[in-house]
N, C-alpha and C. Protein backbone atom coordinates (compact mmCIF):
# COMPACT_ATOMS: atom_id res chain seq x y z
N UNK A 1 0.45 -1.26 -0.05
CA UNK A 1 -0.21 -0.47 -0.03
C UNK A 1 0.66 1.12 0.43
N UNK A 2 0.35 2.42 -0.66
CA UNK A 2 1.49 3.70 -1.03
C UNK A 2 1.28 4.62 0.83
N UNK A 3 1.45 5.01 1.02
CA UNK A 3 1.72 5.71 1.59
C UNK A 3 1.79 5.72 3.02
N UNK A 4 1.97 6.30 4.31
CA UNK A 4 1.49 5.50 5.93
C UNK A 4 -0.06 6.77 6.17
N UNK A 5 -0.16 5.39 7.54
CA UNK A 5 -1.42 6.59 7.88
C UNK A 5 -1.42 5.98 9.52
N UNK A 6 -1.74 6.63 10.82
CA UNK A 6 -1.87 6.16 11.35
C UNK A 6 -3.57 6.44 12.28
N UNK A 7 -4.01 6.23 13.82
CA UNK A 7 -4.67 6.01 14.44
C UNK A 7 -5.13 6.18 15.53
N UNK A 8 -5.60 7.11 15.87
CA UNK A 8 -6.09 7.82 16.81
C UNK A 8 -7.36 8.01 17.70
N UNK A 9 -6.84 8.43 19.10
CA UNK A 9 -8.71 8.35 19.68
C UNK A 9 -8.54 10.10 20.33
N UNK A 10 -9.63 10.30 20.35
CA UNK A 10 -9.25 11.28 21.62
C UNK A 10 -9.85 11.33 22.63
N UNK A 11 -9.96 11.64 24.13
CA UNK A 11 -10.72 11.58 25.47
C UNK A 11 -11.74 9.93 25.32
N UNK A 12 -11.58 9.25 24.70
CA UNK A 12 -11.61 7.90 24.54
C UNK A 12 -11.64 6.82 26.34
N UNK A 13 -13.59 6.25 26.08
CA UNK A 13 -13.74 5.70 28.22
C UNK A 13 -13.40 3.84 27.79
N UNK A 14 -13.50 4.04 26.51
CA UNK A 14 -13.63 1.91 27.40
C UNK A 14 -12.33 1.73 26.77
N UNK A 15 -11.36 1.00 26.81
CA UNK A 15 -10.89 0.90 26.70
C UNK A 15 -10.55 -0.61 25.84
N UNK A 16 -11.50 -1.69 25.91
CA UNK A 16 -11.67 -2.73 24.92
C UNK A 16 -12.05 -2.07 23.49
N UNK A 17 -12.15 -1.01 23.42
CA UNK A 17 -13.13 -0.39 21.79
C UNK A 17 -11.23 0.02 21.92
N UNK A 18 -10.84 0.98 22.44
CA UNK A 18 -9.64 0.85 21.78
C UNK A 18 -8.60 -0.50 21.58
N UNK A 19 -8.84 -1.30 22.43
CA UNK A 19 -8.06 -2.37 21.92
C UNK A 19 -8.01 -2.71 20.84
N UNK A 20 -9.31 -2.67 20.52
CA UNK A 20 -9.47 -3.21 19.15
C UNK A 20 -9.53 -2.50 17.91
N UNK A 21 -9.41 -0.98 18.04
CA UNK A 21 -9.20 -0.48 17.11
C UNK A 21 -7.60 -0.41 17.28
N UNK A 22 -7.21 -0.34 17.80
CA UNK A 22 -5.57 -1.26 17.08
C UNK A 22 -5.08 -1.90 17.21
N UNK A 23 -5.84 -3.62 17.68
CA UNK A 23 -5.19 -4.34 16.56
C UNK A 23 -6.27 -4.45 15.35
N UNK A 24 -7.27 -3.78 15.07
CA UNK A 24 -7.40 -3.71 13.84
C UNK A 24 -6.50 -2.92 12.45
N UNK A 25 -6.54 -1.94 13.52
CA UNK A 25 -4.82 -1.04 12.78
C UNK A 25 -3.94 -1.15 12.55
N UNK A 26 -3.12 -2.61 13.41
CA UNK A 26 -1.75 -3.59 13.06
C UNK A 26 -2.54 -4.52 12.30
N UNK A 27 -4.40 -5.08 11.62
CA UNK A 27 -3.85 -6.11 11.32
C UNK A 27 -3.97 -5.15 9.54
N UNK A 28 -4.60 -4.40 9.47
CA UNK A 28 -4.36 -3.21 8.05
C UNK A 28 -3.26 -2.44 8.08
N UNK A 29 -1.67 -2.55 9.09
CA UNK A 29 -0.61 -2.08 8.33
C UNK A 29 -0.29 -0.34 9.13
N UNK A 30 -1.11 -0.64 10.30
CA UNK A 30 -0.94 1.53 10.33
C UNK A 30 0.83 1.31 10.50
N UNK A 31 1.17 3.16 10.03
CA UNK A 31 2.51 3.05 10.81
C UNK A 31 2.91 3.24 12.26
N UNK A 32 1.52 4.41 12.91
CA UNK A 32 2.01 4.30 14.08
C UNK A 32 -0.20 5.00 15.19
N UNK A 33 -0.12 4.29 15.92
CA UNK A 33 -0.97 4.58 16.43
C UNK A 33 -1.29 5.38 18.57
N UNK A 34 -1.85 5.82 18.23
CA UNK A 34 -2.04 7.91 19.36
C UNK A 34 -2.64 7.44 20.57
N UNK A 35 -3.15 8.90 21.66
CA UNK A 35 -3.98 8.65 22.70
C UNK A 35 -3.72 10.30 21.92
N UNK A 36 -5.10 11.14 23.13
CA UNK A 36 -4.75 11.98 23.15
C UNK A 36 -5.91 12.23 24.16
N UNK A 37 -5.18 12.91 25.07
CA UNK A 37 -6.31 13.35 26.59
C UNK A 37 -6.92 11.90 26.90
N UNK A 38 -6.27 11.13 27.27
CA UNK A 38 -6.46 10.14 27.69
C UNK A 38 -5.84 8.88 28.75
N UNK A 39 -6.83 7.76 29.17
CA UNK A 39 -5.41 6.53 29.38
C UNK A 39 -6.20 5.59 29.22
N UNK A 40 -4.67 4.95 28.75
CA UNK A 40 -4.45 3.85 28.14
C UNK A 40 -3.49 2.67 28.31
N UNK A 41 -4.11 1.31 28.85
CA UNK A 41 -3.70 0.69 29.36
C UNK A 41 -3.39 -0.44 28.50
N UNK A 42 -2.40 -0.49 27.72
CA UNK A 42 -2.87 -2.61 27.27
C UNK A 42 -3.20 -3.74 27.72
N UNK A 43 -1.94 -3.64 28.78
CA UNK A 43 -3.10 -4.66 29.63
C UNK A 43 -4.61 -4.76 30.29
N UNK A 44 -4.55 -3.06 30.33
CA UNK A 44 -6.47 -3.34 30.50
C UNK A 44 -7.28 -3.98 29.45
N UNK A 45 -6.88 -3.67 28.03
CA UNK A 45 -7.52 -4.21 26.91
C UNK A 45 -7.35 -5.14 26.48
N UNK A 46 -7.73 -6.41 26.86
CA UNK A 46 -7.70 -8.02 26.20
C UNK A 46 -8.51 -8.39 25.15
N UNK A 47 -8.73 -7.36 24.32
CA UNK A 47 -9.63 -7.01 23.21
C UNK A 47 -8.38 -6.99 21.75
N UNK A 48 -7.03 -7.07 22.38
CA UNK A 48 -5.86 -6.71 21.71
C UNK A 48 -4.94 -7.42 20.98
N UNK A 49 -6.04 -8.77 20.76
CA UNK A 49 -4.85 -10.10 21.09
C UNK A 49 -3.61 -9.74 20.39
N UNK A 50 -3.46 -9.12 19.40
CA UNK A 50 -2.50 -9.06 18.00
C UNK A 50 -1.51 -8.04 18.85
N UNK A 51 -1.69 -7.87 20.70
CA UNK A 51 -0.10 -7.13 21.01
C UNK A 51 0.48 -6.13 20.62
N UNK A 52 -0.07 -5.50 19.97
CA UNK A 52 -0.07 -4.18 19.32
C UNK A 52 0.64 -2.49 19.99
N UNK A 53 0.58 -2.52 20.64
CA UNK A 53 1.70 -1.97 21.23
C UNK A 53 3.21 -2.23 21.69
N UNK A 54 2.88 -3.94 21.36
CA UNK A 54 5.04 -3.95 21.22
C UNK A 54 4.88 -4.37 19.76
N UNK A 55 4.27 -3.57 18.66
CA UNK A 55 4.18 -4.34 17.83
C UNK A 55 4.60 -2.49 16.37
N UNK A 56 3.42 -1.89 17.11
CA UNK A 56 3.14 -0.60 16.54
C UNK A 56 3.82 0.50 16.77
N UNK A 57 3.85 1.62 16.68
CA UNK A 57 4.20 2.85 17.48
C UNK A 57 3.16 3.24 18.02
N UNK A 58 3.31 3.24 19.39
CA UNK A 58 1.87 3.88 20.21
C UNK A 58 2.61 5.31 21.14
N UNK A 59 1.40 6.97 20.16
CA UNK A 59 2.16 7.65 21.18
C UNK A 59 0.87 8.01 21.59
N UNK A 60 1.14 9.25 23.07
CA UNK A 60 0.40 9.46 23.97
C UNK A 60 0.19 11.04 24.09
N UNK A 61 -0.45 11.21 24.16
CA UNK A 61 -0.17 12.90 23.88
C UNK A 61 -1.31 13.04 25.66
N UNK A 62 -1.12 14.33 26.04
CA UNK A 62 -1.67 14.61 27.52
C UNK A 62 -2.67 15.32 27.17
N UNK A 63 -2.98 16.39 26.06
CA UNK A 63 -3.48 17.19 25.13
C UNK A 63 -4.06 17.21 23.95
N UNK A 64 -4.51 18.11 24.04
CA UNK A 64 -5.14 18.23 21.99
C UNK A 64 -3.75 19.22 21.79
N UNK A 65 -3.07 20.01 23.20
CA UNK A 65 -2.19 21.07 22.03
C UNK A 65 -0.63 20.38 22.68
N UNK A 66 -0.61 19.50 22.35
CA UNK A 66 0.87 18.94 22.93
C UNK A 66 0.25 17.81 21.62
N UNK A 67 -0.67 18.06 21.07
CA UNK A 67 -0.26 16.02 19.77
C UNK A 67 0.61 17.44 18.86
N UNK A 68 1.06 16.63 18.02
CA UNK A 68 2.24 16.82 17.23
C UNK A 68 1.79 15.48 15.84
N UNK A 69 2.64 15.60 14.81
CA UNK A 69 2.34 14.49 13.59
C UNK A 69 3.59 15.68 12.71
N UNK A 70 3.94 14.79 11.87
CA UNK A 70 4.67 14.56 11.14
C UNK A 70 4.54 15.52 9.88
N UNK A 71 5.33 16.18 9.45
CA UNK A 71 5.20 17.44 8.27
C UNK A 71 3.90 16.67 6.98
N UNK A 72 4.10 17.46 7.35
CA UNK A 72 3.08 16.64 4.80
C UNK A 72 1.97 15.60 5.84
N UNK A 73 1.31 14.98 7.03
CA UNK A 73 0.59 14.18 7.24
C UNK A 73 -0.61 15.56 7.55
N UNK A 74 -1.37 14.42 6.87
CA UNK A 74 -3.03 15.21 7.03
C UNK A 74 -3.67 15.03 8.59
N UNK A 75 -4.19 15.44 8.65
CA UNK A 75 -5.21 15.36 10.28
C UNK A 75 -6.47 15.34 9.27
N UNK A 76 -7.06 13.48 9.54
CA UNK A 76 -8.60 13.45 9.02
C UNK A 76 -9.27 13.64 10.55
N UNK A 77 -9.93 14.45 10.43
CA UNK A 77 -11.22 13.80 12.18
C UNK A 77 -12.61 12.81 11.34
N UNK A 78 -12.86 12.52 12.25
CA UNK A 78 -13.72 11.20 11.73
C UNK A 78 -15.01 11.66 13.29
N UNK A 79 -16.55 12.23 12.13
CA UNK A 79 -17.17 12.69 13.24
C UNK A 79 -18.73 12.87 12.17
N UNK A 80 -19.45 12.75 12.28
CA UNK A 80 -21.46 12.17 12.15
C UNK A 80 -21.73 13.77 11.87
N UNK A 81 -21.38 14.38 11.19
CA UNK A 81 -22.00 16.23 10.93
C UNK A 81 -22.09 16.24 10.04
N UNK A 82 -22.93 16.84 9.35
CA UNK A 82 -23.22 17.13 7.85
C UNK A 82 -22.34 18.14 7.34
N UNK A 83 -21.49 18.60 7.57
CA UNK A 83 -20.53 19.37 6.29
C UNK A 83 -19.56 18.68 6.85
N UNK A 84 -19.72 17.22 7.36
CA UNK A 84 -18.36 16.25 6.48
C UNK A 84 -18.39 15.33 5.65
N UNK A 85 -17.62 15.18 5.43
CA UNK A 85 -17.44 14.64 3.50
C UNK A 85 -17.46 12.87 3.72
N UNK A 86 -18.94 12.35 2.58
CA UNK A 86 -19.35 11.56 3.18
C UNK A 86 -18.08 10.33 2.31
N UNK A 87 -17.28 9.23 3.53
CA UNK A 87 -16.38 8.61 3.61
C UNK A 87 -16.17 7.98 2.05
N UNK A 88 -17.12 7.25 1.21
CA UNK A 88 -16.89 6.93 -0.52
C UNK A 88 -17.12 8.00 -1.12
N UNK A 89 -17.30 9.40 -0.51
CA UNK A 89 -16.55 9.95 -2.00
C UNK A 89 -14.73 11.05 -0.89
N UNK A 90 -14.49 10.66 -0.42
CA UNK A 90 -12.92 11.25 -0.14
C UNK A 90 -12.03 10.12 -0.37
N UNK A 91 -10.89 10.51 -1.11
CA UNK A 91 -10.25 10.03 -1.18
C UNK A 91 -8.95 10.43 0.36
N UNK A 92 -8.39 8.88 0.50
CA UNK A 92 -7.73 9.47 1.61
C UNK A 92 -5.95 10.05 1.90
N UNK A 93 -5.57 11.13 2.14
CA UNK A 93 -4.29 11.17 1.38
C UNK A 93 -3.50 10.08 1.53
N UNK A 94 -2.18 10.66 0.77
CA UNK A 94 -1.24 9.24 0.24
C UNK A 94 -0.81 8.89 2.81
N UNK A 95 -0.57 10.40 2.88
CA UNK A 95 -0.10 10.95 4.15
C UNK A 95 -1.78 11.29 5.31
N UNK A 96 -1.51 10.04 6.04
CA UNK A 96 -2.91 10.83 7.22
C UNK A 96 -2.64 9.97 8.52
N UNK A 97 -3.36 10.82 9.34
CA UNK A 97 -3.58 10.83 10.92
C UNK A 97 -5.24 10.87 11.10
N UNK A 98 -5.56 9.40 11.45
CA UNK A 98 -7.03 9.24 11.99
C UNK A 98 -7.54 10.12 13.00
N UNK A 99 -8.02 10.54 13.35
CA UNK A 99 -8.69 10.50 14.55
C UNK A 99 -9.93 10.12 15.22
N UNK A 100 -10.37 9.64 15.72
CA UNK A 100 -11.28 9.23 16.24
C UNK A 100 -12.45 9.51 18.10
N UNK A 101 -13.50 10.60 17.73
CA UNK A 101 -13.28 10.90 19.05
C UNK A 101 -13.88 9.80 19.89
N UNK A 102 -14.87 10.55 20.98
CA UNK A 102 -15.39 10.21 21.81
C UNK A 102 -16.33 8.86 21.93
N UNK A 103 -15.90 8.05 22.85
CA UNK A 103 -18.10 7.17 23.25
C UNK A 103 -18.73 7.82 23.07
N UNK A 104 -18.36 8.96 24.32
CA UNK A 104 -19.43 9.86 24.81
C UNK A 104 -19.96 11.10 24.67
N UNK A 105 -19.44 11.62 23.27
CA UNK A 105 -19.30 12.35 22.76
C UNK A 105 -18.94 12.81 21.46
N UNK A 106 -18.50 14.20 20.54
CA UNK A 106 -18.05 14.28 19.35
C UNK A 106 -16.17 14.88 19.93
N UNK A 107 -16.11 15.00 18.53
CA UNK A 107 -15.11 16.03 18.29
C UNK A 107 -15.48 17.73 18.46
N UNK A 108 -14.78 18.49 18.58
CA UNK A 108 -14.93 19.44 19.30
C UNK A 108 -15.08 20.43 18.21
N UNK A 109 -16.07 21.64 18.15
CA UNK A 109 -15.44 22.63 17.08
C UNK A 109 -13.49 23.16 17.07
N UNK A 110 -12.70 23.33 18.44
CA UNK A 110 -11.96 23.75 18.49
C UNK A 110 -11.00 21.81 17.63
N UNK A 111 -11.04 21.18 17.59
CA UNK A 111 -10.53 20.10 17.67
C UNK A 111 -10.70 20.28 15.82
N UNK A 112 -12.04 20.15 15.40
CA UNK A 112 -12.37 19.80 14.00
C UNK A 112 -12.18 20.92 13.30
N UNK A 113 -11.77 22.69 14.00
CA UNK A 113 -10.47 23.13 13.05
C UNK A 113 -9.61 23.09 12.55
N UNK A 114 -9.21 22.22 13.83
CA UNK A 114 -7.52 22.09 13.28
C UNK A 114 -7.37 20.50 12.48
N UNK A 115 -8.25 20.18 12.35
CA UNK A 115 -8.74 18.82 10.74
C UNK A 115 -8.68 19.50 9.62
N UNK A 116 -7.69 18.92 8.39
CA UNK A 116 -7.34 19.06 7.33
C UNK A 116 -8.50 18.75 6.69
N UNK A 117 -8.62 17.68 7.00
CA UNK A 117 -10.67 17.31 6.25
C UNK A 117 -11.32 16.46 7.22
N UNK A 118 -12.30 16.26 7.37
CA UNK A 118 -13.34 16.00 8.07
C UNK A 118 -14.37 14.37 7.81
N UNK A 119 -14.29 13.31 7.74
CA UNK A 119 -14.83 12.50 7.08
C UNK A 119 -16.41 12.02 8.35
N UNK A 120 -17.15 11.23 7.39
CA UNK A 120 -18.20 10.32 7.98
C UNK A 120 -18.25 9.20 6.85
N UNK A 121 -19.00 8.26 7.67
CA UNK A 121 -19.79 6.93 7.31
C UNK A 121 -21.24 7.52 7.42
N UNK A 122 -21.71 6.85 6.25
CA UNK A 122 -23.37 8.06 6.23
C UNK A 122 -23.70 6.84 6.80
N UNK A 123 -24.14 7.04 8.06
CA UNK A 123 -25.17 5.63 8.54
C UNK A 123 -26.25 6.65 9.83
N UNK A 124 -27.17 6.45 9.63
CA UNK A 124 -28.08 6.82 10.74
C UNK A 124 -27.95 7.32 11.99
N UNK A 125 -27.02 6.58 12.75
CA UNK A 125 -26.12 7.53 13.70
C UNK A 125 -25.21 6.67 13.64
N UNK A 126 -24.01 7.06 14.94
CA UNK A 126 -23.51 6.58 15.68
C UNK A 126 -22.68 5.50 15.51
N UNK A 127 -21.92 4.93 15.39
CA UNK A 127 -20.86 3.97 15.69
C UNK A 127 -19.98 3.22 16.55
N UNK A 128 -20.46 2.18 16.94
CA UNK A 128 -18.90 1.74 17.69
C UNK A 128 -16.99 3.13 17.30
N UNK A 129 -16.57 3.59 17.98
CA UNK A 129 -15.37 3.88 17.51
C UNK A 129 -14.58 2.23 17.12
N UNK A 130 -13.78 1.27 17.60
CA UNK A 130 -13.61 0.31 16.41
C UNK A 130 -14.02 -0.06 15.39
N UNK A 131 -15.67 -0.14 15.08
CA UNK A 131 -16.38 -0.01 14.54
C UNK A 131 -16.08 0.66 13.46
N UNK A 132 -16.10 1.84 13.77
CA UNK A 132 -15.62 2.90 12.40
C UNK A 132 -14.45 3.31 11.97
N UNK A 133 -13.74 2.32 12.95
CA UNK A 133 -12.12 2.81 12.69
C UNK A 133 -11.49 1.46 11.58
N UNK A 134 -12.78 -0.10 12.09
CA UNK A 134 -11.88 -0.26 11.01
C UNK A 134 -12.64 -0.35 8.90
N UNK A 135 -13.71 0.26 9.20
CA UNK A 135 -14.54 0.77 8.14
C UNK A 135 -13.77 1.86 7.31
N UNK A 136 -13.02 2.67 8.37
CA UNK A 136 -12.84 4.38 7.64
C UNK A 136 -11.17 2.81 7.24
N UNK A 137 -10.53 2.21 7.95
CA UNK A 137 -9.51 1.43 7.54
C UNK A 137 -9.43 0.98 6.07
N UNK A 138 -10.39 0.41 6.10
CA UNK A 138 -10.56 -0.80 5.28
C UNK A 138 -10.91 0.15 3.67
N UNK A 139 -11.54 1.11 3.80
CA UNK A 139 -12.45 2.51 3.33
C UNK A 139 -10.78 2.04 2.62
N UNK A 140 -9.44 2.61 3.46
CA UNK A 140 -8.47 3.38 2.53
C UNK A 140 -7.61 2.35 2.29
N UNK A 141 -7.23 0.89 2.74
CA UNK A 141 -7.27 -0.03 1.83
C UNK A 141 -7.70 0.54 0.21
N UNK A 142 -8.57 -0.05 0.39
CA UNK A 142 -9.51 -0.24 -0.66
C UNK A 142 -8.75 1.38 -1.55
N UNK A 143 -8.71 2.42 -1.19
CA UNK A 143 -8.15 3.40 -2.66
C UNK A 143 -6.06 3.52 -2.91
N UNK A 144 -5.79 2.65 -1.31
CA UNK A 144 -4.36 3.09 -1.76
C UNK A 144 -3.67 1.30 -1.80
N UNK A 145 -4.33 0.91 -1.84
CA UNK A 145 -4.00 -0.30 -1.84
C UNK A 145 -4.07 -0.97 -3.45
N UNK A 146 -4.05 -0.55 -4.30
CA UNK A 146 -3.76 -1.13 -5.18
C UNK A 146 -4.78 -2.51 -5.45
N UNK A 147 -5.60 -2.46 -6.20
CA UNK A 147 -6.64 -3.26 -5.88
C UNK A 147 -6.77 -3.62 -8.23
N UNK A 148 -6.99 -2.57 -8.50
CA UNK A 148 -7.18 -2.47 -8.89
C UNK A 148 -9.49 -1.92 -9.10
N UNK A 149 -10.11 -2.43 -10.53
CA UNK A 149 -10.29 -1.99 -10.50
C UNK A 149 -11.93 -2.96 -10.22
N UNK A 150 -13.42 -3.32 -9.50
CA UNK A 150 -13.94 -4.21 -9.24
C UNK A 150 -15.05 -4.70 -10.70
N UNK A 151 -15.71 -5.92 -10.53
CA UNK A 151 -16.37 -6.28 -10.98
C UNK A 151 -17.72 -6.00 -11.71
N UNK A 152 -17.48 -4.90 -13.05
CA UNK A 152 -19.20 -5.38 -13.52
C UNK A 152 -20.68 -5.20 -12.69
N UNK A 153 -20.14 -6.98 -12.44
CA UNK A 153 -21.54 -7.76 -11.93
C UNK A 153 -20.82 -8.39 -10.60
N UNK A 154 -22.00 -8.94 -10.72
CA UNK A 154 -21.95 -10.43 -9.64
C UNK A 154 -21.55 -11.29 -10.33
N UNK A 155 -21.12 -11.31 -11.47
CA UNK A 155 -21.02 -12.60 -12.61
C UNK A 155 -19.99 -12.97 -13.09
N UNK A 156 -19.60 -11.91 -12.92
CA UNK A 156 -18.26 -10.94 -13.92
C UNK A 156 -17.23 -11.31 -13.38
N UNK A 157 -16.01 -11.59 -13.87
CA UNK A 157 -14.39 -11.60 -13.52
C UNK A 157 -14.25 -9.96 -13.55
N UNK A 158 -13.61 -9.89 -12.38
CA UNK A 158 -12.79 -8.66 -12.53
C UNK A 158 -11.64 -7.50 -13.47
N UNK A 159 -11.27 -7.26 -14.07
CA UNK A 159 -10.80 -6.47 -14.70
C UNK A 159 -8.88 -7.16 -14.77
N UNK A 160 -7.55 -7.90 -15.29
CA UNK A 160 -6.92 -7.81 -14.41
C UNK A 160 -5.55 -6.50 -14.68
N UNK A 161 -5.41 -6.62 -13.15
CA UNK A 161 -4.71 -4.84 -12.86
C UNK A 161 -3.62 -4.92 -13.66
N UNK A 162 -3.22 -3.77 -14.04
CA UNK A 162 -2.27 -2.78 -14.75
C UNK A 162 -0.88 -3.26 -14.02
N UNK A 163 0.51 -3.71 -14.85
CA UNK A 163 1.33 -4.10 -15.04
C UNK A 163 1.86 -2.88 -13.91
N UNK A 164 2.89 -3.27 -13.40
CA UNK A 164 3.25 -1.96 -12.73
C UNK A 164 4.79 -1.84 -13.99
N UNK A 165 4.67 -0.79 -14.11
CA UNK A 165 5.62 0.22 -14.83
C UNK A 165 6.31 0.80 -14.48
N UNK A 166 7.96 0.43 -14.87
CA UNK A 166 9.09 1.38 -14.07
C UNK A 166 9.63 2.11 -14.48
N UNK A 167 9.28 3.31 -13.87
CA UNK A 167 10.31 4.44 -14.28
C UNK A 167 11.45 3.81 -15.37
N UNK A 168 12.60 5.45 -15.41
CA UNK A 168 14.02 5.22 -16.02
C UNK A 168 14.64 4.98 -15.10
N UNK A 169 15.74 5.23 -14.80
CA UNK A 169 17.54 5.01 -14.45
C UNK A 169 17.53 6.40 -14.01
N UNK A 170 17.59 6.97 -12.94
CA UNK A 170 18.46 8.69 -12.56
C UNK A 170 19.55 8.34 -11.64
N UNK A 171 20.28 9.24 -12.57
CA UNK A 171 21.92 9.54 -11.87
C UNK A 171 21.79 11.33 -11.42
N UNK A 172 22.94 11.12 -11.49
CA UNK A 172 22.58 12.40 -10.69
C UNK A 172 22.63 13.92 -11.74
N UNK A 173 22.45 13.80 -12.87
CA UNK A 173 22.50 14.26 -13.82
C UNK A 173 20.98 14.63 -14.03
N UNK A 174 20.16 13.13 -13.41
CA UNK A 174 18.54 13.19 -14.37
C UNK A 174 18.28 11.91 -14.69
N UNK A 175 17.45 12.82 -14.92
CA UNK A 175 16.54 10.59 -15.77
C UNK A 175 17.62 10.37 -16.94
N UNK A 176 17.69 9.49 -17.09
CA UNK A 176 18.47 8.40 -18.68
C UNK A 176 17.54 7.56 -19.02
N UNK A 177 17.33 8.09 -20.43
CA UNK A 177 17.19 6.73 -21.41
C UNK A 177 16.23 6.66 -20.86
N UNK A 178 14.69 5.92 -21.74
CA UNK A 178 12.96 5.44 -22.10
C UNK A 178 13.06 4.93 -20.69
N UNK A 179 11.61 5.22 -19.75
CA UNK A 179 11.39 4.24 -19.31
C UNK A 179 11.45 3.12 -19.61
N UNK A 180 11.64 2.51 -18.18
CA UNK A 180 11.55 0.79 -19.14
C UNK A 180 9.90 0.35 -19.29
N UNK A 181 9.85 -0.54 -20.07
CA UNK A 181 8.02 -0.77 -19.62
C UNK A 181 7.52 -0.94 -21.60
N UNK A 182 6.64 -1.51 -22.17
CA UNK A 182 5.46 -0.37 -22.80
C UNK A 182 4.56 0.05 -22.23
N UNK A 183 4.57 1.43 -22.82
CA UNK A 183 3.71 2.34 -22.12
C UNK A 183 2.21 2.18 -23.17
N UNK A 184 1.71 0.90 -23.86
CA UNK A 184 1.13 1.43 -24.59
C UNK A 184 0.56 -0.14 -24.18
N UNK A 185 0.77 -1.07 -23.32
CA UNK A 185 0.55 -2.70 -23.67
C UNK A 185 0.33 -2.50 -21.78
N UNK A 186 1.02 -1.52 -21.49
CA UNK A 186 1.34 -1.16 -19.57
C UNK A 186 2.08 -2.30 -19.26
N UNK A 187 3.19 -3.34 -19.74
CA UNK A 187 3.69 -4.45 -19.75
C UNK A 187 5.29 -3.57 -18.80
N UNK A 188 5.85 -4.53 -17.95
CA UNK A 188 6.98 -4.45 -17.42
C UNK A 188 8.19 -4.71 -18.58
N UNK A 189 8.63 -3.88 -18.64
CA UNK A 189 10.86 -4.71 -19.12
C UNK A 189 11.04 -5.32 -18.49
N UNK A 190 11.99 -5.86 -18.89
CA UNK A 190 12.62 -7.02 -18.15
C UNK A 190 14.19 -6.35 -17.04
């Protein structure tokens, strides 16, 4: 999958949900997980059966003011608001940190103002934090996973994925020669 992502929770209150979210993040290949203004203990979350805290960098921030992201990493808030972008219409940034709100509340206007994007899962009411996070990460996987197009009907086969086209060779003076591979039929050269 291209790019990288992290996912975190702000002011959550249920360890089992956070453990499940972080386990799912580990399964989807998250580069990091984080908590903001929340107390989390991996030992208190037996739902994290993959022990993600031992396998994925986990960052703890005492407050939203202390929260920091790498340069170029977009903050994507997930909230069920009217002005948020519906998830099926959202193109995930290559470098993104997803922020889930608390189970018993919402992201505040101040937090939403700090987000580069706000998306919503188009449901009739709010979902469990871990479930919403799993849907979000699956959608990211579809966008950046390189799976190709879907079949057009349930009985047809999907079109074959395009072959990877290699770029030209680089030197200190720039690009040398022609890109390898036939650009017309998408086959890569050897």
